[in-house]
């Protein structure tokens, strides 16, 4: 397994210790992992997140396309 670059999630709050700006995300084994660098909390991507559907196009106001 190769080490992947961890990226911090700006403004995110840890659900366990409630510290802000301490969550890091990285990709591992074709799924995303999140960890708090302060308390050690970790969470993996579950099947519900992978199979989540996008909302109906009728309910979307607009899609942002950065140039």
Protein backbone atom coordinates (compact mmCIF):
# COMPACT_ATOMS: atom_id res chain seq x y z
CA UNK A 1 0.00 0.00 0.00
CA UNK A 2 1.38 3.40 -0.91
CA UNK A 3 1.03 6.39 1.37
CA UNK A 4 -1.56 8.84 0.10
CA UNK A 5 -1.60 12.57 0.62
CA UNK A 6 -3.93 13.62 3.42
CA UNK A 7 -5.90 16.83 2.99
CA UNK A 8 -7.50 18.82 5.77
CA UNK A 9 -11.17 19.70 5.52
CA UNK A 10 -11.51 23.44 6.14
CA UNK A 11 -14.20 24.34 8.65
CA UNK A 12 -15.06 20.71 9.50
CA UNK A 13 -15.70 19.80 13.12
CA UNK A 14 -14.86 16.41 14.63
CA UNK A 15 -18.05 14.61 15.75
CA UNK A 16 -16.26 13.19 18.82
CA UNK A 17 -14.03 15.93 20.29
CA UNK A 18 -15.78 18.87 18.51
CA UNK A 19 -12.47 20.43 17.49
CA UNK A 20 -12.57 22.54 14.34
CA UNK A 21 -10.12 22.14 11.44
CA UNK A 22 -8.67 18.84 12.69
CA UNK A 23 -10.23 16.42 10.16
CA UNK A 24 -8.09 15.03 7.35
CA UNK A 25 -9.33 13.00 4.36
CA UNK A 26 -7.47 10.60 2.08
CA UNK A 27 -8.21 7.79 -0.37
CA UNK A 28 -7.37 4.23 0.70
CA UNK A 29 -8.30 1.01 -1.12
CA UNK A 30 -10.73 2.79 -3.49
CA UNK A 31 -12.67 4.45 -0.65
CA UNK A 32 -12.27 7.63 1.36
CA UNK A 33 -11.13 7.72 4.99
CA UNK A 34 -11.50 10.61 7.45
CA UNK A 35 -9.51 11.00 10.67
CA UNK A 36 -9.24 13.57 13.43
CA UNK A 37 -5.60 14.41 14.13
CA UNK A 38 -6.45 15.56 17.66
CA UNK A 39 -8.45 12.66 19.15
CA UNK A 40 -7.76 9.86 16.65
CA UNK A 41 -11.38 9.38 15.50
CA UNK A 42 -11.60 7.64 12.12
CA UNK A 43 -14.43 6.97 9.71
CA UNK A 44 -14.55 5.10 6.43
CA UNK A 45 -16.79 5.50 3.44
CA UNK A 46 -19.69 3.06 3.65
CA UNK A 47 -21.79 1.55 0.89
CA UNK A 48 -24.62 4.06 1.43
CA UNK A 49 -22.31 6.92 0.52
CA UNK A 50 -21.12 5.19 -2.64
CA UNK A 51 -24.61 4.40 -3.92
CA UNK A 52 -26.13 7.79 -3.07
CA UNK A 53 -28.15 9.16 -5.95
CA UNK A 54 -28.17 12.70 -7.20
CA UNK A 55 -31.44 14.62 -6.80
CA UNK A 56 -33.86 14.84 -9.68
CA UNK A 57 -32.96 17.45 -12.28
CA UNK A 58 -36.35 19.10 -11.75
CA UNK A 59 -35.37 20.00 -8.17
CA UNK A 60 -31.95 21.48 -9.03
CA UNK A 61 -31.77 25.25 -9.35
CA UNK A 62 -28.38 25.28 -11.06
CA UNK A 63 -24.99 23.56 -11.21
CA UNK A 64 -21.79 25.52 -10.60
CA UNK A 65 -19.19 25.03 -13.34
CA UNK A 66 -15.91 26.80 -12.46
CA UNK A 67 -14.03 28.10 -15.48
